[in-house]
Amino acid sequence: MDALDVARWQFGVTTVYHFLFVPLTIGLSVLVAILQTMWHRTGDEKYLKLTKFYGKLFLINFAMGVVTGIVQEFQFGMNWSDYSRFVGDIFGAPLAIEALVAFFLESTFIGLWIFGWDRLPKRLHLASIWAAAIGSNLSAYFILAANSFMQNPVGYRINPDTGRAELTDFVAVLTNKVAMITFPHTIAGAFLVAGSLLVAVAMWHLVRNRDSADTPAYRFAAKFGSWVTLVSAAAVAITGDIQGKIMTQVQPMKMAAAEGLYTTESPASFSVLTVGSLDGSRELFALKIPHLLSWLGTGDPNGTVQGINDLQAQYAAQYGAGSYTPIIPVTYWSFRFMIGFGMAAAAIALLVLWSQRKGRTPTSKWLLRAGLVMPLLPLAANSFGWIFTEMGRQPWILFGEMLTRDGVSRSVSLTEVLTSFTAFTLIYATLAVVEVKLLLRYAKAGVPDLTPDPDIDDTHDDAERPLAFAY
């Protein structure tokens, strides 16, 4: 084990952990804005209750996401300074815009939304949550544009005098074809998570308190969340199909590794299950669907998909001796777990809708158990999706330009990286306990009681009231 191995583990752990909060924040921000819009348009109190209820869960998750996200950008200077030095002029631009524009837009208007209840005009207060939601989605776009540059470098040149990559076309970076499809795919995955959370919490209250006065609110939340989940699952499938075709063009090794395809095939079959040799060089057993991989990768049922061994020989001739193959079992199974967990969440959403047909209220304890697990499924799918995306790019940190081993900080020792890795892991474990406890506590509390408190004196001027957290 050396500093490179630990640095990779540290970045992987902190990135996957941070991304547990990101999709829920992105999806919930929009869903809460939609709920508040429905209250604004109809005046129905149940929408206001749901807005404040799920808004509280959104704020808990947002705060945790901010805390864990700060570490991400610091790591580029801490453990990956050679990478930052090589590509910082390009990679840093979208990250800077994300921080200066999108994040400040999001955080500023979240503050207005938190403290603006009964202080701001209703329309302005509603606009504040929509502005925060827009900021969340803009943040995602700029970060994905930076990551897409690592997958498919565009809009740059290598300065022969400095040996650094220099930005030549920022528009090309922002409109990278990988970013253009990764963004809607990621956003659809975010709504899959958020919709599942709405269903899980609503189902818990419906099954436990069937005769509650708030049952109509929970019934709506369960239906709304289920439809969001189903539509998002369809969007994930459609965008994922397009993304697969683009991936075949720009990163053919990643597609080959995802399918355990060792030799070039035309037509190529989709692997349902493949068992390879221990050295990852050949296929031992496979269960396949004919022509499906050709269609997924090229749009043509008889299209050609390059194999791992042929691509390895091609890259070795182009870039020099060495292995250009990712860890096949990781890419192969993470790709399938990503798809499988997402489909499972959609299936549960369909069952929840079926259980509420003709005005029925769900009572099944088995369905409740499935509903409670439901948010974890798209979270796992999102995580495995990112593991596949990043591990499938290996051994490149910048595809075709810089190997991962060349991007690590030379001056950071194994002890230093191991110390920071251990510290971050322990801190993140503590934060995980705090996050789960807070979410469970406020989710179990249910929607708020909006009945005015007779002991509160509302006769005083609003300007004299102390600023208070609205929840």
Protein backbone atom coordinates (compact mmCIF):
# COMPACT_ATOMS: atom_id res chain seq x y z
CA MET A 1 0.00 0.00 0.00
CA ASP A 2 1.28 3.46 -0.90
CA ALA A 3 0.04 7.07 -0.79
CA LEU A 4 -1.68 6.68 -4.19
CA ASP A 5 -3.79 3.76 -2.97
CA VAL A 6 -4.90 5.56 0.18
CA ALA A 7 -5.55 8.83 -1.69
CA ARG A 8 -7.79 6.95 -4.10
CA TRP A 9 -9.66 5.28 -1.26
CA GLN A 10 -10.07 8.59 0.53
CA PHE A 11 -11.45 10.35 -2.52
CA GLY A 12 -13.74 7.42 -3.25
CA VAL A 13 -15.14 7.24 0.29
CA THR A 14 -15.67 10.99 0.68
CA THR A 15 -17.20 11.32 -2.80
CA VAL A 16 -19.66 8.45 -2.42
CA TYR A 17 -20.57 9.62 1.09
CA HIS A 18 -21.17 13.19 -0.10
CA PHE A 19 -23.27 11.98 -2.99
CA LEU A 20 -25.68 10.28 -0.61
CA PHE A 21 -26.98 13.78 0.23
CA VAL A 22 -26.73 15.43 -3.18
CA PRO A 23 -29.56 13.68 -5.07
CA LEU A 24 -31.98 14.04 -2.16
CA THR A 25 -31.19 17.77 -1.89
CA ILE A 26 -31.64 18.33 -5.64
CA GLY A 27 -34.87 16.36 -5.89
CA LEU A 28 -36.47 17.52 -2.64
CA SER A 29 -35.80 21.20 -3.37
CA VAL A 30 -37.99 21.00 -6.47
CA LEU A 31 -40.67 18.79 -4.90
CA VAL A 32 -40.98 21.09 -1.89
CA ALA A 33 -41.26 24.05 -4.28
CA ILE A 34 -44.03 22.22 -6.17
CA LEU A 35 -45.90 21.48 -2.93
CA GLN A 36 -45.69 25.12 -1.87
CA THR A 37 -46.87 26.21 -5.31
CA MET A 38 -49.91 23.92 -4.97
CA TRP A 39 -50.70 25.49 -1.59
CA HIS A 40 -50.26 28.99 -3.05
CA ARG A 41 -52.63 28.21 -5.94
CA THR A 42 -55.30 26.21 -4.06
CA GLY A 43 -55.09 27.37 -0.45
CA ASP A 44 -55.48 23.74 0.63
CA GLU A 45 -53.89 23.37 4.06
CA LYS A 46 -52.61 19.85 3.40
CA TYR A 47 -50.14 21.18 0.84
CA LEU A 48 -48.82 23.71 3.36
CA LYS A 49 -48.39 20.95 5.94
CA LEU A 50 -46.50 18.79 3.45
CA THR A 51 -44.37 21.76 2.38
CA LYS A 52 -43.23 22.43 5.92
CA PHE A 53 -42.89 18.74 6.75
CA TYR A 54 -40.74 17.71 3.79
CA GLY A 55 -39.08 21.13 3.79
CA LYS A 56 -37.66 20.32 7.23
CA LEU A 57 -36.21 17.03 5.93
CA PHE A 58 -34.80 18.91 2.96
CA LEU A 59 -33.02 21.43 5.19
CA ILE A 60 -31.46 18.72 7.36
CA ASN A 61 -30.13 16.98 4.28
CA PHE A 62 -28.95 20.24 2.68
CA ALA A 63 -26.92 21.19 5.76
CA MET A 64 -25.22 17.81 5.83
CA GLY A 65 -24.49 17.98 2.12
CA VAL A 66 -22.78 21.35 2.51
CA VAL A 67 -20.59 20.07 5.35
CA THR A 68 -19.46 16.97 3.44
CA GLY A 69 -19.09 18.77 0.12
CA ILE A 70 -16.53 21.29 1.35
CA VAL A 71 -13.95 18.52 1.69
CA GLN A 72 -14.29 17.51 -1.95
CA GLU A 73 -12.70 20.55 -3.56
CA PHE A 74 -9.95 20.73 -0.93
CA GLN A 75 -8.80 17.25 -1.86
CA PHE A 76 -7.70 18.37 -5.30
CA GLY A 77 -5.07 20.53 -3.65
CA MET A 78 -4.32 18.17 -0.79
CA ASN A 79 -3.88 14.77 -2.42
CA TRP A 80 -4.08 15.50 -6.13
CA SER A 81 -1.95 18.60 -6.60
CA ASP A 82 -0.20 17.30 -9.74
CA TYR A 83 -3.59 16.82 -11.37
CA SER A 84 -4.67 20.30 -10.23
CA ARG A 85 -1.47 21.80 -11.56
CA PHE A 86 -1.91 20.11 -14.92
CA VAL A 87 -5.58 20.85 -15.54
CA GLY A 88 -6.53 23.50 -12.97
CA ASP A 89 -7.01 26.26 -15.56
CA ILE A 90 -9.88 24.27 -17.06
CA PHE A 91 -11.20 22.10 -14.27
CA GLY A 92 -11.31 24.98 -11.80
CA ALA A 93 -13.47 27.25 -13.98
CA PRO A 94 -16.81 25.40 -13.70
CA LEU A 95 -16.14 24.66 -10.03
CA ALA A 96 -15.54 28.35 -9.35
CA ILE A 97 -18.75 29.32 -11.13
CA GLU A 98 -20.62 26.66 -9.15
CA ALA A 99 -19.40 28.15 -5.88
CA LEU A 100 -19.76 31.82 -6.78
CA VAL A 101 -23.07 31.66 -8.63
CA ALA A 102 -25.06 28.48 -8.10
CA PHE A 103 -24.20 27.73 -4.47
CA PHE A 104 -24.60 31.34 -3.31
CA LEU A 105 -27.92 31.55 -5.16
CA GLU A 106 -29.07 28.37 -3.46
CA SER A 107 -27.87 29.20 0.05
CA THR A 108 -29.06 32.83 -0.01
CA PHE A 109 -32.60 31.99 -1.03
CA ILE A 110 -32.79 29.03 1.34
CA GLY A 111 -32.07 31.53 4.10
CA LEU A 112 -34.87 33.78 2.87
CA TRP A 113 -37.20 30.81 2.68
CA ILE A 114 -36.39 29.61 6.20
CA PHE A 115 -36.85 32.94 7.92
CA GLY A 116 -39.38 34.43 5.50
CA TRP A 117 -42.51 32.59 6.62
CA ASP A 118 -45.14 35.24 7.52
CA ARG A 119 -42.55 37.95 6.86
CA LEU A 120 -42.18 37.96 3.09
CA PRO A 121 -45.11 38.35 0.71
CA LYS A 122 -46.40 34.91 -0.28
CA ARG A 123 -45.28 35.21 -3.90
CA LEU A 124 -41.81 36.37 -2.95
CA HIS A 125 -41.50 33.61 -0.39
CA LEU A 126 -42.57 31.06 -2.99
CA ALA A 127 -40.06 32.51 -5.45
CA SER A 128 -37.30 32.04 -2.86
CA ILE A 129 -37.72 28.25 -2.71
CA TRP A 130 -37.84 28.07 -6.51
CA ALA A 131 -34.64 30.14 -6.70
CA ALA A 132 -33.00 27.76 -4.23
CA ALA A 133 -34.14 24.77 -6.30
CA ILE A 134 -32.75 26.36 -9.47
CA GLY A 135 -29.47 26.99 -7.65
CA SER A 136 -29.28 23.32 -6.61
CA ASN A 137 -29.71 22.17 -10.19
CA LEU A 138 -27.23 24.73 -11.52
CA SER A 139 -24.68 23.48 -8.98
CA ALA A 140 -25.15 19.98 -10.33
CA TYR A 141 -24.66 21.13 -13.91
CA PHE A 142 -21.36 22.94 -13.33
CA ILE A 143 -19.94 20.09 -11.25
CA LEU A 144 -20.98 17.56 -13.88
CA ALA A 145 -19.40 19.72 -16.58
CA ALA A 146 -16.11 19.54 -14.67
CA ASN A 147 -16.42 15.79 -14.23
CA SER A 148 -17.38 15.30 -17.87
CA PHE A 149 -14.16 17.02 -18.90
CA MET A 150 -12.32 14.24 -17.05
CA GLN A 151 -14.32 11.66 -19.03
CA ASN A 152 -14.10 13.39 -22.41
CA PRO A 153 -11.59 16.29 -22.54
CA VAL A 154 -12.67 19.08 -24.93
CA GLY A 155 -11.97 22.78 -25.42
CA TYR A 156 -8.30 22.71 -24.42
CA ARG A 157 -4.73 22.46 -25.65
CA ILE A 158 -1.49 21.28 -24.06
CA ASN A 159 1.08 24.07 -23.75
CA PRO A 160 4.40 22.47 -24.77
CA ASP A 161 6.41 25.01 -22.76
CA THR A 162 4.61 24.55 -19.42
CA GLY A 163 3.30 21.03 -19.97
CA ARG A 164 -0.11 22.13 -18.71
CA ALA A 165 -3.58 21.96 -20.20
CA GLU A 166 -4.96 25.39 -21.13
CA LEU A 167 -8.56 26.39 -21.76
CA THR A 168 -9.30 27.35 -25.37
CA ASP A 169 -13.10 27.08 -25.52
CA PHE A 170 -15.11 27.33 -22.31
CA VAL A 171 -18.39 26.90 -24.20
CA ALA A 172 -17.11 23.55 -25.47
CA VAL A 173 -16.44 22.49 -21.87
CA LEU A 174 -19.94 23.49 -20.77
CA THR A 175 -21.57 21.84 -23.80
CA ASN A 176 -19.49 18.68 -23.68
CA LYS A 177 -21.74 15.94 -25.07
CA VAL A 178 -20.99 13.82 -22.01
CA ALA A 179 -22.18 16.62 -19.71
CA MET A 180 -25.27 17.28 -21.81
CA ILE A 181 -26.57 13.76 -21.21
CA THR A 182 -25.03 13.13 -17.78
CA PHE A 183 -26.89 16.13 -16.33
CA PRO A 184 -30.46 14.97 -17.15
CA HIS A 185 -29.50 11.41 -16.19
CA THR A 186 -28.24 12.58 -12.79
CA ILE A 187 -31.22 14.86 -12.19
CA ALA A 188 -33.61 12.03 -13.03
CA GLY A 189 -31.75 9.88 -10.50
CA ALA A 190 -32.13 12.66 -7.93
CA PHE A 191 -35.90 12.76 -8.39
CA LEU A 192 -35.94 8.97 -8.06
CA VAL A 193 -34.43 9.36 -4.59
CA ALA A 194 -36.66 12.28 -3.55
CA GLY A 195 -39.84 10.60 -4.76
CA SER A 196 -38.92 7.45 -2.86
CA LEU A 197 -38.44 9.42 0.35
CA LEU A 198 -41.89 11.00 -0.01
CA VAL A 199 -43.40 7.54 -0.41
CA ALA A 200 -41.51 5.95 2.50
CA VAL A 201 -42.42 8.60 5.06
CA ALA A 202 -46.05 8.85 3.91
CA MET A 203 -46.48 5.07 3.94
CA TRP A 204 -45.15 4.83 7.48
CA HIS A 205 -47.78 7.28 8.72
CA LEU A 206 -50.59 5.79 6.62
CA VAL A 207 -50.11 2.25 7.89
CA ARG A 208 -49.59 3.26 11.53
CA ASN A 209 -52.32 5.94 11.73
CA ARG A 210 -55.04 5.05 9.24
CA ASP A 211 -57.68 7.22 10.95
CA SER A 212 -55.54 10.31 11.43
CA ALA A 213 -56.89 13.72 10.42
CA ASP A 214 -53.77 14.06 8.28
CA THR A 215 -54.43 10.87 6.29
CA PRO A 216 -55.45 12.85 3.14
CA ALA A 217 -52.11 14.65 3.22
CA TYR A 218 -50.15 11.41 3.53
CA ARG A 219 -52.24 9.73 0.82
CA PHE A 220 -51.42 12.57 -1.55
CA ALA A 221 -47.73 12.44 -0.63
CA ALA A 222 -47.61 8.69 -1.26
CA LYS A 223 -49.31 9.05 -4.66
CA PHE A 224 -47.27 12.09 -5.64
CA GLY A 225 -44.01 10.44 -4.60
CA SER A 226 -44.91 7.23 -6.43
CA TRP A 227 -45.63 9.05 -9.67
CA VAL A 228 -42.42 11.06 -9.32
CA THR A 229 -40.53 7.80 -8.81
CA LEU A 230 -42.08 6.09 -11.84
CA VAL A 231 -41.59 9.06 -14.17
CA SER A 232 -38.03 9.49 -12.92
CA ALA A 233 -37.29 5.80 -13.47
CA ALA A 234 -38.47 6.14 -17.08
CA ALA A 235 -36.31 9.27 -17.51
CA VAL A 236 -33.31 7.46 -16.02
CA ALA A 237 -33.78 4.60 -18.48
CA ILE A 238 -34.11 6.89 -21.51
CA THR A 239 -31.17 9.14 -20.62
CA GLY A 240 -29.12 6.12 -19.58
CA ASP A 241 -29.65 4.59 -23.00
CA ILE A 242 -28.39 7.76 -24.70
CA GLN A 243 -25.52 7.97 -22.25
CA GLY A 244 -24.51 4.41 -23.08
CA LYS A 245 -24.27 5.24 -26.77
CA ILE A 246 -22.14 8.32 -26.08
CA MET A 247 -19.96 6.30 -23.69
CA THR A 248 -19.37 3.74 -26.44
CA GLN A 249 -18.08 6.57 -28.63
CA VAL A 250 -15.80 8.38 -26.18
CA GLN A 251 -14.89 5.63 -23.68
CA PRO A 252 -15.28 2.27 -25.43
CA MET A 253 -13.23 0.50 -22.75
CA LYS A 254 -15.77 1.50 -20.10
CA MET A 255 -18.62 0.00 -22.10
CA ALA A 256 -16.64 -3.18 -22.78
CA ALA A 257 -15.78 -3.49 -19.08
CA ALA A 258 -19.42 -2.91 -18.10
CA GLU A 259 -20.40 -5.90 -20.21
CA GLY A 260 -17.41 -8.16 -19.65
CA LEU A 261 -16.92 -8.09 -23.43
CA TYR A 262 -13.39 -9.38 -24.04
CA THR A 263 -13.42 -9.66 -27.84
CA THR A 264 -14.89 -7.31 -30.43
CA GLU A 265 -18.31 -8.49 -31.58
CA SER A 266 -20.67 -7.56 -34.38
CA PRO A 267 -23.43 -8.02 -33.42
CA ALA A 268 -22.68 -7.90 -29.69
CA SER A 269 -24.79 -9.63 -27.03
CA PHE A 270 -25.78 -8.14 -23.67
CA SER A 271 -24.34 -10.07 -20.73
CA VAL A 272 -26.89 -11.07 -18.12
CA LEU A 273 -24.15 -12.94 -16.25
CA THR A 274 -20.49 -13.36 -17.16
CA VAL A 275 -17.78 -15.23 -15.25
CA GLY A 276 -14.24 -14.26 -16.29
CA SER A 277 -10.77 -15.61 -15.58
CA LEU A 278 -8.95 -14.49 -12.44
CA ASP A 279 -6.60 -12.27 -14.44
CA GLY A 280 -9.56 -10.62 -16.17
CA SER A 281 -8.34 -11.47 -19.64
CA ARG A 282 -11.01 -13.82 -20.95
CA GLU A 283 -14.55 -15.02 -20.54
CA LEU A 284 -15.19 -18.42 -18.95
CA PHE A 285 -18.99 -18.53 -18.88
CA ALA A 286 -21.70 -16.13 -20.05
CA LEU A 287 -25.48 -15.88 -20.23
CA LYS A 288 -26.33 -13.36 -22.95
CA ILE A 289 -29.16 -11.69 -24.86
CA PRO A 290 -28.24 -11.56 -28.59
CA HIS A 291 -27.96 -8.17 -30.36
CA LEU A 292 -28.96 -6.15 -27.27
CA LEU A 293 -25.51 -4.73 -26.51
CA SER A 294 -25.10 -3.62 -30.13
CA TRP A 295 -28.36 -1.73 -29.89
CA LEU A 296 -27.51 -0.23 -26.47
CA GLY A 297 -24.04 0.83 -27.57
CA THR A 298 -24.60 1.92 -31.17
CA GLY A 299 -28.34 2.11 -31.81
CA ASP A 300 -27.95 -0.64 -34.42
CA PRO A 301 -28.87 -4.25 -33.49
CA ASN A 302 -25.98 -5.40 -35.69
CA GLY A 303 -23.49 -2.69 -34.64
CA THR A 304 -19.89 -3.39 -33.69
CA VAL A 305 -18.81 -3.07 -30.04
CA GLN A 306 -15.09 -3.22 -29.31
CA GLY A 307 -13.80 -5.74 -26.78
CA ILE A 308 -11.48 -5.34 -23.80
CA ASN A 309 -8.51 -7.21 -25.26
CA ASP A 310 -8.61 -5.36 -28.59
CA LEU A 311 -8.88 -1.99 -26.87
CA GLN A 312 -6.01 -2.87 -24.51
CA ALA A 313 -3.78 -3.62 -27.51
CA GLN A 314 -4.89 -0.40 -29.21
CA TYR A 315 -4.22 1.78 -26.15
CA ALA A 316 -0.86 0.12 -25.48
CA ALA A 317 0.20 0.97 -29.02
CA GLN A 318 -1.15 4.54 -28.72
CA TYR A 319 -0.10 5.50 -25.18
CA GLY A 320 2.73 3.11 -24.38
CA ALA A 321 3.12 -0.13 -22.47
CA GLY A 322 0.88 -0.72 -19.46
CA SER A 323 -2.59 -1.86 -18.47
CA TYR A 324 -5.48 0.31 -19.63
CA THR A 325 -8.16 -2.01 -18.32
CA PRO A 326 -10.30 -1.06 -15.29
CA ILE A 327 -11.15 -3.60 -12.59
CA ILE A 328 -13.65 -5.68 -14.55
CA PRO A 329 -15.71 -7.13 -11.63
CA VAL A 330 -16.20 -3.63 -10.18
CA THR A 331 -17.41 -2.09 -13.43
CA TYR A 332 -19.46 -5.15 -14.41
CA TRP A 333 -21.37 -5.49 -11.14
CA SER A 334 -21.69 -1.78 -10.29
CA PHE A 335 -23.37 -1.29 -13.68
CA ARG A 336 -25.89 -4.03 -12.87
CA PHE A 337 -26.48 -2.93 -9.30
CA MET A 338 -27.15 0.59 -10.59
CA ILE A 339 -29.87 -0.67 -12.92
CA GLY A 340 -31.29 -3.29 -10.55
CA PHE A 341 -31.74 -1.07 -7.50
CA GLY A 342 -33.38 1.66 -9.59
CA MET A 343 -35.85 -0.81 -11.11
CA ALA A 344 -36.67 -2.19 -7.66
CA ALA A 345 -37.62 1.29 -6.39
CA ALA A 346 -39.90 1.79 -9.41
CA ALA A 347 -41.55 -1.58 -8.77
CA ILE A 348 -42.34 -0.64 -5.15
CA ALA A 349 -43.77 2.71 -6.30
CA LEU A 350 -46.08 0.82 -8.65
CA LEU A 351 -47.25 -1.39 -5.76
CA VAL A 352 -47.94 1.68 -3.61
CA LEU A 353 -50.12 3.18 -6.35
CA TRP A 354 -51.95 -0.13 -6.74
CA SER A 355 -52.57 -0.30 -2.99
CA GLN A 356 -54.35 3.09 -3.11
CA ARG A 357 -56.61 2.35 -6.07
CA LYS A 358 -60.28 3.44 -5.71
CA GLY A 359 -59.54 5.50 -2.62
CA ARG A 360 -58.13 2.68 -0.51
CA THR A 361 -55.64 3.28 2.29
CA PRO A 362 -52.62 0.93 2.40
CA THR A 363 -52.63 -1.47 5.35
CA SER A 364 -50.10 -4.14 4.35
CA LYS A 365 -47.16 -4.46 6.74
CA TRP A 366 -45.16 -6.09 3.93
CA LEU A 367 -45.75 -3.08 1.73
CA LEU A 368 -44.74 -0.83 4.61
CA ARG A 369 -41.46 -2.72 4.99
CA ALA A 370 -40.83 -2.40 1.26
CA GLY A 371 -41.69 1.30 1.41
CA LEU A 372 -39.27 1.93 4.25
CA VAL A 373 -36.45 0.30 2.28
CA MET A 374 -37.47 2.17 -0.86
CA PRO A 375 -35.32 5.33 -0.42
CA LEU A 376 -32.20 3.21 0.10
CA LEU A 377 -32.61 1.55 -3.31
CA PRO A 378 -32.19 4.64 -5.54
CA LEU A 379 -29.50 5.92 -3.17
CA ALA A 380 -27.61 2.69 -3.78
CA ALA A 381 -28.30 2.95 -7.51
CA ASN A 382 -26.87 6.49 -7.58
CA SER A 383 -23.80 5.42 -5.63
CA PHE A 384 -23.10 2.42 -7.84
CA GLY A 385 -23.62 4.65 -10.87
CA TRP A 386 -20.84 6.96 -9.71
CA ILE A 387 -18.60 4.06 -8.79
CA PHE A 388 -19.08 2.70 -12.29
CA THR A 389 -18.47 6.13 -13.87
CA GLU A 390 -15.24 6.78 -12.01
CA MET A 391 -13.84 3.25 -11.80
CA GLY A 392 -14.67 2.60 -15.44
CA ARG A 393 -12.44 5.52 -16.45
CA GLN A 394 -9.39 4.01 -14.77
CA PRO A 395 -6.43 4.04 -15.12
CA TRP A 396 -7.05 7.61 -16.40
CA ILE A 397 -7.69 10.60 -14.18
CA LEU A 398 -8.05 12.68 -17.35
CA PHE A 399 -8.97 10.33 -20.15
CA GLY A 400 -6.23 10.05 -22.75
CA GLU A 401 -4.06 12.73 -21.15
CA MET A 402 -3.08 11.86 -17.56
CA LEU A 403 -2.98 8.59 -15.65
CA THR A 404 -4.33 8.53 -12.10
CA ARG A 405 -0.95 7.57 -10.69
CA ASP A 406 0.54 10.75 -12.21
CA GLY A 407 -2.02 13.06 -10.60
CA VAL A 408 -1.31 12.33 -6.94
CA SER A 409 0.57 14.84 -4.78
CA ARG A 410 4.25 13.94 -4.69
CA SER A 411 4.98 15.70 -1.41
CA VAL A 412 2.25 13.97 0.60
CA SER A 413 3.44 10.90 2.47
CA LEU A 414 1.55 7.68 3.15
CA THR A 415 1.28 8.59 6.84
CA GLU A 416 -0.25 11.99 6.08
CA VAL A 417 -2.81 10.61 3.65
CA LEU A 418 -3.65 7.74 5.98
CA THR A 419 -4.14 10.16 8.87
CA SER A 420 -6.52 12.40 6.92
CA PHE A 421 -8.35 9.37 5.51
CA THR A 422 -8.89 7.95 9.00
CA ALA A 423 -9.99 11.32 10.38
CA PHE A 424 -12.46 11.99 7.56
CA THR A 425 -13.91 8.49 7.80
CA LEU A 426 -14.51 8.82 11.55
CA ILE A 427 -16.02 12.30 11.19
CA TYR A 428 -18.27 11.15 8.35
CA ALA A 429 -19.39 8.13 10.38
CA THR A 430 -20.38 10.48 13.20
CA LEU A 431 -22.22 12.75 10.78
CA ALA A 432 -24.06 9.73 9.37
CA VAL A 433 -25.41 8.91 12.82
CA VAL A 434 -26.50 12.53 13.32
CA GLU A 435 -28.16 12.68 9.89
CA VAL A 436 -30.09 9.45 10.33
CA LYS A 437 -31.27 10.35 13.83
CA LEU A 438 -32.46 13.79 12.75
CA LEU A 439 -34.27 12.48 9.69
CA LEU A 440 -35.96 9.70 11.64
CA ARG A 441 -36.91 12.02 14.49
CA TYR A 442 -38.60 14.62 12.31
CA ALA A 443 -40.05 12.09 9.87
CA LYS A 444 -41.78 10.27 12.75
CA ALA A 445 -43.10 13.58 14.13
CA GLY A 446 -45.36 13.91 11.10
CA VAL A 447 -46.84 16.98 9.45
CA PRO A 448 -47.06 20.05 11.68
CA ASP A 449 -50.20 21.26 13.42
CA LEU A 450 -51.11 24.59 11.85
CA THR A 451 -53.74 25.49 14.44
CA PRO A 452 -52.85 28.94 15.88
CA ASP A 453 -51.63 28.91 19.47
CA PRO A 454 -54.10 30.99 21.58
CA ASP A 455 -51.29 31.91 23.97
CA ILE A 456 -49.36 33.78 21.26
CA ASP A 457 -50.05 37.51 21.06
CA ASP A 458 -50.15 38.59 17.39
CA THR A 459 -51.16 42.18 18.11
CA HIS A 460 -47.62 43.52 18.15
CA ASP A 461 -45.93 44.94 15.09
CA ASP A 462 -44.09 42.27 13.09
CA ALA A 463 -40.92 44.36 13.22
CA GLU A 464 -40.83 43.91 16.99
CA ARG A 465 -40.93 40.11 16.78
CA PRO A 466 -37.60 38.34 17.17
CA LEU A 467 -36.18 36.57 14.12
CA ALA A 468 -36.83 32.88 14.59
CA PHE A 469 -36.40 29.64 12.73
CA ALA A 470 -39.81 28.99 11.20
CA TYR A 471 -39.86 25.30 11.99
